[in-house]
Amino acid sequence: KSYNTSVAIDANGEIVAKYRKIHMFDVAIGDQVNETESDFIEAGTEV
């Protein structure tokens, strides 16, 4: 699987941190929303 990852970049253009999304959006609300992120995204583990 892949990660859903956020990257922090400082004003010098350097990567200073990255965060991998912890909570997977596995939600089915009628015909409005139907998503199972855990099928293709690996959950992060670190705050």
All heavy atoms as atom14 arrays in JSON, in Angstrom:
{
  "sequence": "KSYNTSVAIDANGEIVAKYRKIHMFDVAIGDQVNETESDFIEAGTEV",
  "atom14_mask": [
    [1, 1, 1, 1, 1, 1, 1, 1, 1, 0, 0, 0, 0, 0],
    [1, 1, 1, 1, 1, 1, 0, 0, 0, 0, 0, 0, 0, 0],
    [1, 1, 1, 1, 1, 1, 1, 1, 1, 1, 1, 1, 0, 0],
    [1, 1, 1, 1, 1, 1, 1, 1, 0, 0, 0, 0, 0, 0],
    [1, 1, 1, 1, 1, 1, 1, 0, 0, 0, 0, 0, 0, 0],
    [1, 1, 1, 1, 1, 1, 0, 0, 0, 0, 0, 0, 0, 0],
    [1, 1, 1, 1, 1, 1, 1, 0, 0, 0, 0, 0, 0, 0],
    [1, 1, 1, 1, 1, 0, 0, 0, 0, 0, 0, 0, 0, 0],
    [1, 1, 1, 1, 1, 1, 1, 1, 0, 0, 0, 0, 0, 0],
    [1, 1, 1, 1, 1, 1, 1, 1, 0, 0, 0, 0, 0, 0],
    [1, 1, 1, 1, 1, 0, 0, 0, 0, 0, 0, 0, 0, 0],
    [1, 1, 1, 1, 1, 1, 1, 1, 0, 0, 0, 0, 0, 0],
    [1, 1, 1, 1, 0, 0, 0, 0, 0, 0, 0, 0, 0, 0],
    [1, 1, 1, 1, 1, 1, 1, 1, 1, 0, 0, 0, 0, 0],
    [1, 1, 1, 1, 1, 1, 1, 1, 0, 0, 0, 0, 0, 0],
    [1, 1, 1, 1, 1, 1, 1, 0, 0, 0, 0, 0, 0, 0],
    [1, 1, 1, 1, 1, 0, 0, 0, 0, 0, 0, 0, 0, 0],
    [1, 1, 1, 1, 1, 1, 1, 1, 1, 0, 0, 0, 0, 0],
    [1, 1, 1, 1, 1, 1, 1, 1, 1, 1, 1, 1, 0, 0],
    [1, 1, 1, 1, 1, 1, 1, 1, 1, 1, 1, 0, 0, 0],
    [1, 1, 1, 1, 1, 1, 1, 1, 1, 0, 0, 0, 0, 0],
    [1, 1, 1, 1, 1, 1, 1, 1, 0, 0, 0, 0, 0, 0],
    [1, 1, 1, 1, 1, 1, 1, 1, 1, 1, 0, 0, 0, 0],
    [1, 1, 1, 1, 1, 1, 1, 1, 0, 0, 0, 0, 0, 0],
    [1, 1, 1, 1, 1, 1, 1, 1, 1, 1, 1, 0, 0, 0],
    [1, 1, 1, 1, 1, 1, 1, 1, 0, 0, 0, 0, 0, 0],
    [1, 1, 1, 1, 1, 1, 1, 0, 0, 0, 0, 0, 0, 0],
    [1, 1, 1, 1, 1, 0, 0, 0, 0, 0, 0, 0, 0, 0],
    [1, 1, 1, 1, 1, 1, 1, 1, 0, 0, 0, 0, 0, 0],
    [1, 1, 1, 1, 0, 0, 0, 0, 0, 0, 0, 0, 0, 0],
    [1, 1, 1, 1, 1, 1, 1, 1, 0, 0, 0, 0, 0, 0],
    [1, 1, 1, 1, 1, 1, 1, 1, 1, 0, 0, 0, 0, 0],
    [1, 1, 1, 1, 1, 1, 1, 0, 0, 0, 0, 0, 0, 0],
    [1, 1, 1, 1, 1, 1, 1, 1, 0, 0, 0, 0, 0, 0],
    [1, 1, 1, 1, 1, 1, 1, 1, 1, 0, 0, 0, 0, 0],
    [1, 1, 1, 1, 1, 1, 1, 0, 0, 0, 0, 0, 0, 0],
    [1, 1, 1, 1, 1, 1, 1, 1, 1, 0, 0, 0, 0, 0],
    [1, 1, 1, 1, 1, 1, 0, 0, 0, 0, 0, 0, 0, 0],
    [1, 1, 1, 1, 1, 1, 1, 1, 0, 0, 0, 0, 0, 0],
    [1, 1, 1, 1, 1, 1, 1, 1, 1, 1, 1, 0, 0, 0],
    [1, 1, 1, 1, 1, 1, 1, 1, 0, 0, 0, 0, 0, 0],
    [1, 1, 1, 1, 1, 1, 1, 1, 1, 0, 0, 0, 0, 0],
    [1, 1, 1, 1, 1, 0, 0, 0, 0, 0, 0, 0, 0, 0],
    [1, 1, 1, 1, 0, 0, 0, 0, 0, 0, 0, 0, 0, 0],
    [1, 1, 1, 1, 1, 1, 1, 0, 0, 0, 0, 0, 0, 0],
    [1, 1, 1, 1, 1, 1, 1, 1, 1, 0, 0, 0, 0, 0],
    [1, 1, 1, 1, 1, 1, 1, 0, 0, 0, 0, 0, 0, 0]
  ],
  "atom14_positions": [
    [[0.84, -1.19, 0.0], [0.0, 0.0, 0.0], [0.88, 1.25, 0.0], [2.09, 1.19, 0.2], [-0.91, 0.01, 1.23], [-1.87, -1.17, 1.31], [-2.72, -1.08, 2.57], [-3.64, -2.28, 2.71], [-4.46, -2.2, 3.95], [0.0, 0.0, 0.0], [0.0, 0.0, 0.0], [0.0, 0.0, 0.0], [0.0, 0.0, 0.0], [0.0, 0.0, 0.0]],
    [[0.24, 2.4, -0.2], [0.93, 3.68, -0.12], [0.49, 4.4, 1.14], [-0.48, 4.02, 1.8], [0.61, 4.54, -1.35], [0.96, 3.87, -2.54], [0.0, 0.0, 0.0], [0.0, 0.0, 0.0], [0.0, 0.0, 0.0], [0.0, 0.0, 0.0], [0.0, 0.0, 0.0], [0.0, 0.0, 0.0], [0.0, 0.0, 0.0], [0.0, 0.0, 0.0]],
    [[1.22, 5.46, 1.49], [0.85, 6.31, 2.61], [0.24, 7.61, 2.1], [0.57, 8.07, 1.01], [2.07, 6.64, 3.46], [2.68, 5.46, 4.17], [3.8, 4.82, 3.64], [2.15, 4.98, 5.36], [4.37, 3.73, 4.28], [2.72, 3.89, 6.01], [3.83, 3.27, 5.46], [4.39, 2.19, 6.08], [0.0, 0.0, 0.0], [0.0, 0.0, 0.0]],
    [[-0.62, 8.2, 2.9], [-1.12, 9.55, 2.65], [-0.29, 10.46, 3.55], [-0.48, 10.5, 4.76], [-2.61, 9.61, 3.0], [-3.24, 10.94, 2.63], [-2.56, 11.91, 2.35], [-4.56, 10.98, 2.66], [0.0, 0.0, 0.0], [0.0, 0.0, 0.0], [0.0, 0.0, 0.0], [0.0, 0.0, 0.0], [0.0, 0.0, 0.0], [0.0, 0.0, 0.0]],
    [[0.63, 11.2, 2.96], [1.7, 11.85, 3.72], [1.75, 13.35, 3.52], [1.69, 13.84, 2.39], [3.06, 11.24, 3.32], [3.02, 9.82, 3.53], [4.19, 11.83, 4.13], [0.0, 0.0, 0.0], [0.0, 0.0, 0.0], [0.0, 0.0, 0.0], [0.0, 0.0, 0.0], [0.0, 0.0, 0.0], [0.0, 0.0, 0.0], [0.0, 0.0, 0.0]],
    [[1.88, 14.06, 4.63], [2.04, 15.5, 4.63], [3.51, 15.84, 4.91], [4.16, 15.17, 5.72], [1.16, 16.13, 5.71], [1.23, 17.54, 5.68], [0.0, 0.0, 0.0], [0.0, 0.0, 0.0], [0.0, 0.0, 0.0], [0.0, 0.0, 0.0], [0.0, 0.0, 0.0], [0.0, 0.0, 0.0], [0.0, 0.0, 0.0], [0.0, 0.0, 0.0]],
    [[4.0, 16.87, 4.25], [5.42, 17.23, 4.34], [5.53, 18.68, 4.8], [4.87, 19.57, 4.26], [6.12, 17.04, 2.98], [7.59, 17.44, 3.08], [6.01, 15.6, 2.52], [0.0, 0.0, 0.0], [0.0, 0.0, 0.0], [0.0, 0.0, 0.0], [0.0, 0.0, 0.0], [0.0, 0.0, 0.0], [0.0, 0.0, 0.0], [0.0, 0.0, 0.0]],
    [[6.39, 18.92, 5.79], [6.68, 20.27, 6.27], [8.0, 20.72, 5.65], [9.0, 20.02, 5.72], [6.78, 20.29, 7.79], [0.0, 0.0, 0.0], [0.0, 0.0, 0.0], [0.0, 0.0, 0.0], [0.0, 0.0, 0.0], [0.0, 0.0, 0.0], [0.0, 0.0, 0.0], [0.0, 0.0, 0.0], [0.0, 0.0, 0.0], [0.0, 0.0, 0.0]],
    [[7.97, 21.91, 5.06], [9.12, 22.46, 4.34], [9.39, 23.86, 4.89], [8.48, 24.68, 4.99], [8.82, 22.54, 2.83], [8.54, 21.15, 2.26], [9.98, 23.2, 2.09], [7.98, 21.16, 0.84], [0.0, 0.0, 0.0], [0.0, 0.0, 0.0], [0.0, 0.0, 0.0], [0.0, 0.0, 0.0], [0.0, 0.0, 0.0], [0.0, 0.0, 0.0]],
    [[10.65, 24.14, 5.25], [10.95, 25.48, 5.76], [11.22, 26.46, 4.63], [11.23, 26.1, 3.45], [12.1, 25.43, 6.78], [13.46, 25.09, 6.18], [13.64, 25.18, 4.95], [14.36, 24.73, 6.97], [0.0, 0.0, 0.0], [0.0, 0.0, 0.0], [0.0, 0.0, 0.0], [0.0, 0.0, 0.0], [0.0, 0.0, 0.0], [0.0, 0.0, 0.0]],
    [[11.45, 27.72, 4.99], [11.6, 28.77, 3.99], [12.91, 28.68, 3.22], [13.1, 29.39, 2.23], [11.47, 30.14, 4.65], [0.0, 0.0, 0.0], [0.0, 0.0, 0.0], [0.0, 0.0, 0.0], [0.0, 0.0, 0.0], [0.0, 0.0, 0.0], [0.0, 0.0, 0.0], [0.0, 0.0, 0.0], [0.0, 0.0, 0.0], [0.0, 0.0, 0.0]],
    [[13.8, 27.79, 3.66], [15.01, 27.51, 2.89], [14.8, 26.37, 1.89], [15.73, 25.98, 1.19], [16.16, 27.15, 3.83], [16.58, 28.3, 4.71], [16.69, 29.44, 4.24], [16.8, 28.03, 5.99], [0.0, 0.0, 0.0], [0.0, 0.0, 0.0], [0.0, 0.0, 0.0], [0.0, 0.0, 0.0], [0.0, 0.0, 0.0], [0.0, 0.0, 0.0]],
    [[13.59, 25.83, 1.88], [13.29, 24.73, 0.96], [13.69, 23.37, 1.49], [13.71, 22.4, 0.72], [0.0, 0.0, 0.0], [0.0, 0.0, 0.0], [0.0, 0.0, 0.0], [0.0, 0.0, 0.0], [0.0, 0.0, 0.0], [0.0, 0.0, 0.0], [0.0, 0.0, 0.0], [0.0, 0.0, 0.0], [0.0, 0.0, 0.0], [0.0, 0.0, 0.0]],
    [[13.95, 23.26, 2.78], [14.36, 21.98, 3.36], [13.16, 21.25, 3.97], [12.32, 21.87, 4.64], [15.41, 22.2, 4.45], [16.7, 22.85, 3.96], [17.43, 22.0, 2.93], [17.44, 20.76, 3.09], [17.98, 22.57, 1.98], [0.0, 0.0, 0.0], [0.0, 0.0, 0.0], [0.0, 0.0, 0.0], [0.0, 0.0, 0.0], [0.0, 0.0, 0.0]],
    [[13.07, 19.95, 3.73], [12.05, 19.13, 4.38], [12.46, 18.93, 5.84], [13.54, 18.43, 6.12], [11.88, 17.78, 3.68], [11.3, 17.98, 2.27], [10.98, 16.85, 4.49], [11.21, 16.71, 1.46], [0.0, 0.0, 0.0], [0.0, 0.0, 0.0], [0.0, 0.0, 0.0], [0.0, 0.0, 0.0], [0.0, 0.0, 0.0], [0.0, 0.0, 0.0]],
    [[11.58, 19.34, 6.77], [11.92, 19.24, 8.19], [11.1, 18.18, 8.91], [11.46, 17.78, 10.03], [11.76, 20.61, 8.88], [12.73, 21.62, 8.29], [10.33, 21.14, 8.79], [0.0, 0.0, 0.0], [0.0, 0.0, 0.0], [0.0, 0.0, 0.0], [0.0, 0.0, 0.0], [0.0, 0.0, 0.0], [0.0, 0.0, 0.0], [0.0, 0.0, 0.0]],
    [[10.0, 17.71, 8.3], [9.19, 16.67, 8.94], [8.23, 16.1, 7.92], [7.91, 16.75, 6.91], [8.41, 17.23, 10.14], [0.0, 0.0, 0.0], [0.0, 0.0, 0.0], [0.0, 0.0, 0.0], [0.0, 0.0, 0.0], [0.0, 0.0, 0.0], [0.0, 0.0, 0.0], [0.0, 0.0, 0.0], [0.0, 0.0, 0.0], [0.0, 0.0, 0.0]],
    [[7.75, 14.88, 8.19], [6.64, 14.35, 7.41], [5.73, 13.57, 8.34], [6.17, 12.98, 9.33], [7.1, 13.5, 6.23], [7.71, 12.16, 6.56], [8.05, 11.41, 5.27], [8.59, 10.01, 5.58], [8.91, 9.26, 4.34], [0.0, 0.0, 0.0], [0.0, 0.0, 0.0], [0.0, 0.0, 0.0], [0.0, 0.0, 0.0], [0.0, 0.0, 0.0]],
    [[4.45, 13.59, 8.02], [3.43, 12.93, 8.83], [2.58, 12.06, 7.93], [2.1, 12.51, 6.88], [2.54, 13.97, 9.53], [1.25, 13.38, 10.07], [1.25, 12.57, 11.2], [0.03, 13.61, 9.42], [0.07, 12.0, 11.67], [-1.15, 13.06, 9.9], [-1.13, 12.26, 11.02], [-2.28, 11.68, 11.49], [0.0, 0.0, 0.0], [0.0, 0.0, 0.0]],
    [[2.39, 10.81, 8.33], [1.54, 9.88, 7.59], [0.18, 9.77, 8.29], [0.1, 9.49, 9.48], [2.22, 8.51, 7.53], [3.46, 8.51, 6.64], [4.29, 7.27, 6.83], [5.31, 7.13, 5.79], [6.28, 6.22, 5.81], [6.37, 5.34, 6.82], [7.16, 6.16, 4.83], [0.0, 0.0, 0.0], [0.0, 0.0, 0.0], [0.0, 0.0, 0.0]],
    [[-0.87, 10.01, 7.52], [-2.24, 10.03, 8.06], [-2.53, 8.78, 8.88], [-2.34, 7.65, 8.41], [-3.22, 10.16, 6.9], [-4.68, 10.3, 7.29], [-5.52, 10.46, 6.02], [-6.99, 10.6, 6.31], [-7.77, 10.7, 5.05], [0.0, 0.0, 0.0], [0.0, 0.0, 0.0], [0.0, 0.0, 0.0], [0.0, 0.0, 0.0], [0.0, 0.0, 0.0]],
    [[-3.02, 8.99, 10.09], [-3.27, 7.88, 11.02], [-4.65, 7.28, 10.83], [-4.82, 6.05, 10.81], [-3.09, 8.37, 12.47], [-1.61, 8.69, 12.74], [-3.62, 7.34, 13.47], [-1.36, 9.33, 14.1], [0.0, 0.0, 0.0], [0.0, 0.0, 0.0], [0.0, 0.0, 0.0], [0.0, 0.0, 0.0], [0.0, 0.0, 0.0], [0.0, 0.0, 0.0]],
    [[-5.67, 8.11, 10.71], [-7.06, 7.63, 10.69], [-7.54, 7.45, 9.25], [-7.58, 8.41, 8.48], [-7.96, 8.6, 11.44], [-7.59, 8.73, 12.89], [-6.84, 9.8, 13.36], [-7.86, 7.94, 13.95], [-6.67, 9.64, 14.66], [-7.28, 8.54, 15.05], [0.0, 0.0, 0.0], [0.0, 0.0, 0.0], [0.0, 0.0, 0.0], [0.0, 0.0, 0.0]],
    [[-7.92, 6.24, 8.92], [-8.38, 5.93, 7.56], [-9.87, 6.24, 7.4], [-10.69, 5.93, 8.27], [-8.14, 4.45, 7.26], [-6.67, 4.05, 7.23], [-5.72, 4.81, 5.88], [-5.02, 6.26, 6.71], [0.0, 0.0, 0.0], [0.0, 0.0, 0.0], [0.0, 0.0, 0.0], [0.0, 0.0, 0.0], [0.0, 0.0, 0.0], [0.0, 0.0, 0.0]],
    [[-10.19, 6.85, 6.28], [-11.57, 7.23, 5.99], [-12.3, 6.03, 5.39], [-12.38, 5.86, 4.17], [-11.56, 8.41, 5.02], [-12.92, 9.02, 4.76], [-13.58, 9.72, 5.74], [-13.51, 8.9, 3.51], [-14.82, 10.3, 5.5], [-14.75, 9.48, 3.25], [-15.41, 10.17, 4.25], [0.0, 0.0, 0.0], [0.0, 0.0, 0.0], [0.0, 0.0, 0.0]],
    [[-12.83, 5.19, 6.25], [-13.61, 4.01, 5.85], [-15.07, 4.31, 6.18], [-15.55, 4.0, 7.28], [-13.12, 2.76, 6.58], [-11.72, 2.34, 6.16], [-11.19, 2.89, 5.18], [-11.15, 1.46, 6.82], [0.0, 0.0, 0.0], [0.0, 0.0, 0.0], [0.0, 0.0, 0.0], [0.0, 0.0, 0.0], [0.0, 0.0, 0.0], [0.0, 0.0, 0.0]],
    [[-15.78, 4.91, 5.25], [-17.11, 5.48, 5.52], [-18.05, 5.17, 4.36], [-17.68, 5.31, 3.19], [-17.0, 7.01, 5.72], [-18.38, 7.63, 5.88], [-16.13, 7.34, 6.93], [0.0, 0.0, 0.0], [0.0, 0.0, 0.0], [0.0, 0.0, 0.0], [0.0, 0.0, 0.0], [0.0, 0.0, 0.0], [0.0, 0.0, 0.0], [0.0, 0.0, 0.0]],
    [[-19.27, 4.77, 4.69], [-20.32, 4.59, 3.68], [-21.59, 5.26, 4.19], [-22.18, 4.82, 5.18], [-20.56, 3.12, 3.41], [0.0, 0.0, 0.0], [0.0, 0.0, 0.0], [0.0, 0.0, 0.0], [0.0, 0.0, 0.0], [0.0, 0.0, 0.0], [0.0, 0.0, 0.0], [0.0, 0.0, 0.0], [0.0, 0.0, 0.0], [0.0, 0.0, 0.0]],
    [[-21.98, 6.36, 3.55], [-23.18, 7.1, 3.95], [-24.14, 7.11, 2.77], [-24.05, 7.95, 1.86], [-22.84, 8.55, 4.36], [-21.76, 8.57, 5.45], [-24.1, 9.26, 4.86], [-21.27, 9.96, 5.8], [0.0, 0.0, 0.0], [0.0, 0.0, 0.0], [0.0, 0.0, 0.0], [0.0, 0.0, 0.0], [0.0, 0.0, 0.0], [0.0, 0.0, 0.0]],
    [[-25.03, 6.13, 2.74], [-26.0, 6.02, 1.65], [-25.31, 6.04, 0.3], [-24.31, 5.37, 0.07], [0.0, 0.0, 0.0], [0.0, 0.0, 0.0], [0.0, 0.0, 0.0], [0.0, 0.0, 0.0], [0.0, 0.0, 0.0], [0.0, 0.0, 0.0], [0.0, 0.0, 0.0], [0.0, 0.0, 0.0], [0.0, 0.0, 0.0], [0.0, 0.0, 0.0]],
    [[-25.86, 6.84, -0.62], [-25.23, 6.97, -1.94], [-24.44, 8.27, -2.04], [-24.04, 8.68, -3.14], [-26.29, 6.9, -3.04], [-27.35, 8.0, -2.91], [-27.3, 8.78, -1.93], [-28.24, 8.06, -3.79], [0.0, 0.0, 0.0], [0.0, 0.0, 0.0], [0.0, 0.0, 0.0], [0.0, 0.0, 0.0], [0.0, 0.0, 0.0], [0.0, 0.0, 0.0]],
    [[-24.17, 8.9, -0.9], [-23.47, 10.18, -0.89], [-21.96, 10.02, -0.76], [-21.19, 10.71, -1.44], [-23.98, 11.05, 0.27], [-25.45, 11.38, 0.19], [-25.77, 12.3, -0.97], [-24.97, 13.11, -1.39], [-26.98, 12.16, -1.5], [0.0, 0.0, 0.0], [0.0, 0.0, 0.0], [0.0, 0.0, 0.0], [0.0, 0.0, 0.0], [0.0, 0.0, 0.0]],
    [[-21.53, 9.14, 0.14], [-20.11, 8.94, 0.4], [-19.84, 7.46, 0.54], [-20.51, 6.78, 1.31], [-19.67, 9.66, 1.71], [-18.19, 9.4, 1.97], [-19.95, 11.15, 1.64], [0.0, 0.0, 0.0], [0.0, 0.0, 0.0], [0.0, 0.0, 0.0], [0.0, 0.0, 0.0], [0.0, 0.0, 0.0], [0.0, 0.0, 0.0], [0.0, 0.0, 0.0]],
    [[-18.87, 6.96, -0.2], [-18.5, 5.54, -0.11], [-17.01, 5.42, -0.36], [-16.55, 5.53, -1.49], [-19.3, 4.7, -1.11], [-19.22, 3.22, -0.78], [-18.23, 2.75, -0.24], [-20.27, 2.49, -1.12], [0.0, 0.0, 0.0], [0.0, 0.0, 0.0], [0.0, 0.0, 0.0], [0.0, 0.0, 0.0], [0.0, 0.0, 0.0], [0.0, 0.0, 0.0]],
    [[-16.26, 5.21, 0.69], [-14.8, 5.22, 0.61], [-14.24, 4.24, 1.61], [-14.72, 4.15, 2.75], [-14.28, 6.62, 0.93], [-12.79, 6.8, 0.71], [-12.45, 7.15, -0.73], [-12.94, 8.17, -1.23], [-11.7, 6.36, -1.33], [0.0, 0.0, 0.0], [0.0, 0.0, 0.0], [0.0, 0.0, 0.0], [0.0, 0.0, 0.0], [0.0, 0.0, 0.0]],
    [[-13.24, 3.46, 1.2], [-12.54, 2.56, 2.12], [-11.05, 2.75, 1.92], [-10.38, 2.0, 1.22], [-12.94, 1.09, 1.88], [-14.36, 0.98, 1.84], [-12.41, 0.19, 3.0], [0.0, 0.0, 0.0], [0.0, 0.0, 0.0], [0.0, 0.0, 0.0], [0.0, 0.0, 0.0], [0.0, 0.0, 0.0], [0.0, 0.0, 0.0], [0.0, 0.0, 0.0]],
    [[-10.51, 3.77, 2.57], [-9.1, 4.11, 2.37], [-8.17, 2.99, 2.81], [-7.08, 2.83, 2.25], [-8.76, 5.39, 3.13], [-9.28, 6.65, 2.48], [-8.77, 7.91, 3.15], [-8.3, 7.83, 4.31], [-8.86, 8.97, 2.52], [0.0, 0.0, 0.0], [0.0, 0.0, 0.0], [0.0, 0.0, 0.0], [0.0, 0.0, 0.0], [0.0, 0.0, 0.0]],
    [[-8.57, 2.23, 3.81], [-7.68, 1.19, 4.32], [-7.41, 0.09, 3.29], [-6.49, -0.71, 3.46], [-8.25, 0.57, 5.6], [-9.51, -0.02, 5.35], [0.0, 0.0, 0.0], [0.0, 0.0, 0.0], [0.0, 0.0, 0.0], [0.0, 0.0, 0.0], [0.0, 0.0, 0.0], [0.0, 0.0, 0.0], [0.0, 0.0, 0.0], [0.0, 0.0, 0.0]],
    [[-8.21, 0.04, 2.21], [-7.95, -0.94, 1.15], [-6.66, -0.63, 0.39], [-6.04, -1.53, -0.17], [-9.11, -0.97, 0.15], [-10.33, -1.68, 0.69], [-10.22, -2.35, 1.73], [-11.41, -1.55, 0.07], [0.0, 0.0, 0.0], [0.0, 0.0, 0.0], [0.0, 0.0, 0.0], [0.0, 0.0, 0.0], [0.0, 0.0, 0.0], [0.0, 0.0, 0.0]],
    [[-6.28, 0.66, 0.35], [-5.14, 1.02, -0.49], [-4.15, 1.97, 0.18], [-3.11, 2.3, -0.39], [-5.62, 1.63, -1.82], [-6.53, 2.84, -1.66], [-6.02, 4.12, -1.72], [-7.89, 2.66, -1.46], [-6.85, 5.21, -1.58], [-8.73, 3.76, -1.31], [-8.22, 5.04, -1.37], [0.0, 0.0, 0.0], [0.0, 0.0, 0.0], [0.0, 0.0, 0.0]],
    [[-4.47, 2.42, 1.4], [-3.57, 3.3, 2.15], [-3.15, 2.61, 3.44], [-3.98, 2.05, 4.17], [-4.25, 4.65, 2.47], [-4.6, 5.39, 1.18], [-3.34, 5.51, 3.35], [-5.35, 6.69, 1.41], [0.0, 0.0, 0.0], [0.0, 0.0, 0.0], [0.0, 0.0, 0.0], [0.0, 0.0, 0.0], [0.0, 0.0, 0.0], [0.0, 0.0, 0.0]],
    [[-1.87, 2.67, 3.72], [-1.32, 2.15, 4.98], [-1.4, 3.27, 6.01], [-0.95, 4.4, 5.76], [0.13, 1.73, 4.79], [0.74, 1.02, 5.98], [0.26, -0.41, 6.14], [-0.27, -0.98, 5.16], [0.43, -0.96, 7.25], [0.0, 0.0, 0.0], [0.0, 0.0, 0.0], [0.0, 0.0, 0.0], [0.0, 0.0, 0.0], [0.0, 0.0, 0.0]],
    [[-1.98, 2.98, 7.16], [-2.13, 4.0, 8.2], [-0.78, 4.33, 8.83], [0.05, 3.44, 9.06], [-3.09, 3.52, 9.27], [0.0, 0.0, 0.0], [0.0, 0.0, 0.0], [0.0, 0.0, 0.0], [0.0, 0.0, 0.0], [0.0, 0.0, 0.0], [0.0, 0.0, 0.0], [0.0, 0.0, 0.0], [0.0, 0.0, 0.0], [0.0, 0.0, 0.0]],
    [[-0.58, 5.6, 9.12], [0.59, 6.01, 9.89], [0.42, 5.64, 11.36], [-0.68, 5.31, 11.81], [0.0, 0.0, 0.0], [0.0, 0.0, 0.0], [0.0, 0.0, 0.0], [0.0, 0.0, 0.0], [0.0, 0.0, 0.0], [0.0, 0.0, 0.0], [0.0, 0.0, 0.0], [0.0, 0.0, 0.0], [0.0, 0.0, 0.0], [0.0, 0.0, 0.0]],
    [[1.49, 5.74, 12.11], [1.47, 5.35, 13.52], [2.02, 6.41, 14.46], [1.94, 6.25, 15.67], [2.27, 4.06, 13.73], [3.62, 4.26, 13.31], [1.66, 2.89, 12.94], [0.0, 0.0, 0.0], [0.0, 0.0, 0.0], [0.0, 0.0, 0.0], [0.0, 0.0, 0.0], [0.0, 0.0, 0.0], [0.0, 0.0, 0.0], [0.0, 0.0, 0.0]],
    [[2.57, 7.49, 13.92], [3.25, 8.47, 14.76], [2.55, 9.82, 14.76], [2.14, 10.32, 13.71], [4.69, 8.67, 14.3], [5.57, 7.44, 14.49], [7.0, 7.73, 14.09], [7.23, 8.19, 12.96], [7.9, 7.48, 14.93], [0.0, 0.0, 0.0], [0.0, 0.0, 0.0], [0.0, 0.0, 0.0], [0.0, 0.0, 0.0], [0.0, 0.0, 0.0]],
    [[2.41, 10.4, 15.94], [1.96, 11.78, 16.09], [3.19, 12.67, 15.86], [4.24, 12.44, 16.45], [1.38, 12.01, 17.5], [0.96, 13.46, 17.69], [0.21, 11.06, 17.75], [0.0, 0.0, 0.0], [0.0, 0.0, 0.0], [0.0, 0.0, 0.0], [0.0, 0.0, 0.0], [0.0, 0.0, 0.0], [0.0, 0.0, 0.0], [0.0, 0.0, 0.0]]
  ]
}
